[in-house]
Amino acid sequence: MTIAPDTPRYITRHVTYRLPIIGRLAREVVEGPVDNAFAAIFGTVSAVAIGVLIWGYPALIFSALLAAALMVITLIRITLG
């Protein structure tokens, strides 16, 4: 099965860009200057820290499980090319 020439290669990127808040942030990180990537990393670390301050240990466990799942997905994508 091949992708038609007019079909975007990264369908997940197209769907992500349509989300209200996350889409704008994702587009800024991908298409914007390098400083936006550092701002996204800082925002993610801040969100996890605030979650740990509010909910404690379960928020830390949840973020660790999410990071592990993202690493598995990243390794699968690297393996598939």
Protein backbone atom coordinates (compact mmCIF):
# COMPACT_ATOMS: atom_id res chain seq x y z
CA MET A 1 0.00 0.00 0.00
CA THR A 2 1.48 3.33 -1.02
CA ILE A 3 0.73 6.84 0.07
CA ALA A 4 -0.88 9.04 -2.55
CA PRO A 5 1.24 12.08 -3.52
CA ASP A 6 -1.27 14.57 -2.11
CA THR A 7 -1.61 12.74 1.23
CA PRO A 8 0.54 14.23 4.01
CA ARG A 9 3.23 11.82 5.17
CA TYR A 10 2.82 12.64 8.83
CA ILE A 11 -0.90 12.23 9.48
CA THR A 12 -0.34 12.46 13.24
CA ARG A 13 1.22 15.88 12.79
CA HIS A 14 -1.81 17.03 10.80
CA VAL A 15 -4.18 15.77 13.49
CA THR A 16 -2.07 17.26 16.29
CA TYR A 17 -2.06 20.69 14.67
CA ARG A 18 -5.87 20.74 14.75
CA LEU A 19 -6.05 20.43 18.56
CA PRO A 20 -6.78 23.81 20.16
CA ILE A 21 -3.91 24.42 22.60
CA ILE A 22 -1.57 21.50 21.97
CA GLY A 23 -1.66 22.08 18.21
CA ARG A 24 -0.43 25.65 18.45
CA LEU A 25 2.37 24.66 20.83
CA ALA A 26 3.39 21.71 18.62
CA ARG A 27 3.47 23.88 15.49
CA GLU A 28 5.62 26.48 17.28
CA VAL A 29 8.09 23.83 18.43
CA VAL A 30 8.36 22.12 15.03
CA GLU A 31 8.29 25.14 12.72
CA GLY A 32 9.50 27.94 14.99
CA PRO A 33 12.95 28.96 16.21
CA VAL A 34 15.07 26.75 18.48
CA ASP A 35 14.09 28.74 21.56
CA ASN A 36 10.55 27.37 21.34
CA ALA A 37 11.81 23.82 21.88
CA PHE A 38 13.55 24.88 25.08
CA ALA A 39 10.41 26.66 26.22
CA ALA A 40 8.41 23.46 25.62
CA ILE A 41 10.89 21.41 27.64
CA PHE A 42 10.79 23.97 30.46
CA GLY A 43 6.97 23.94 30.38
CA THR A 44 6.84 20.15 30.55
CA VAL A 45 9.25 20.00 33.48
CA SER A 46 7.28 22.74 35.23
CA ALA A 47 4.00 20.90 34.68
CA VAL A 48 5.44 17.70 36.16
CA ALA A 49 6.86 19.61 39.13
CA ILE A 50 3.52 21.31 39.79
CA GLY A 51 1.75 17.95 39.48
CA VAL A 52 4.12 16.42 42.02
CA LEU A 53 3.57 19.34 44.39
CA ILE A 54 -0.21 19.03 44.10
CA TRP A 55 -0.77 15.26 43.87
CA GLY A 56 2.53 13.91 45.17
CA TYR A 57 4.02 10.55 44.35
CA PRO A 58 1.23 9.32 41.98
CA ALA A 59 1.93 12.23 39.61
CA LEU A 60 5.62 11.30 39.54
CA ILE A 61 4.78 7.65 38.84
CA PHE A 62 2.34 8.66 36.08
CA SER A 63 4.91 10.90 34.39
CA ALA A 64 7.54 8.15 34.57
CA LEU A 65 5.15 5.63 33.00
CA LEU A 66 4.29 8.10 30.29
CA ALA A 67 7.98 8.74 29.58
CA ALA A 68 8.64 4.98 29.37
CA ALA A 69 5.78 4.53 26.89
CA LEU A 70 7.07 7.42 24.77
CA MET A 71 10.56 5.88 24.72
CA VAL A 72 9.16 2.52 23.58
CA ILE A 73 7.23 4.27 20.79
CA THR A 74 10.37 6.21 19.82
CA LEU A 75 12.43 3.00 19.65
CA ILE A 76 9.77 1.33 17.51
CA ARG A 77 9.70 4.30 15.13
CA ILE A 78 13.53 4.29 14.89
CA THR A 79 13.51 0.56 14.19
CA LEU A 80 10.87 0.85 11.46
CA GLY A 81 12.75 3.69 9.78
